[in-house]
Amino acid sequence: MPESRVNSEPSPAPYWRRNVRLIVLLLACWAGLTFVPAYFARQLAFDFIGWPFSFWMAAYGAPLAYLVLIVVYALVMNRFDARSRARRDD
């Protein structure tokens, strides 16, 4: 009869579940930032800083928002990693 080993390491499943939830949330934000302004571009026909708002969103706004999404992912994952390490060390 094989011996069963008791693993004292915490299961990585909650960590990866949180990671996947965060990725899905940020991916939904990315999709919204990409497709919503393009879908409503004709209705967004007002000037913003001297340019049409739809052009500004495509040329400047969306890439800046993508960078914000990357920063949010990095900050949240660093916090998750720190919590995971703290639980593992306890």
Foldseek 3Di string as FASTA:
>chain_A
DDDDDDDPADDCVVVVVVLVVLVVVLVVVLCCLPPVLVVCVVVQQDDDPRHRPSCCSVPPVSVVVVVVSVVVSVVVNVVSVVVSVVVRVD
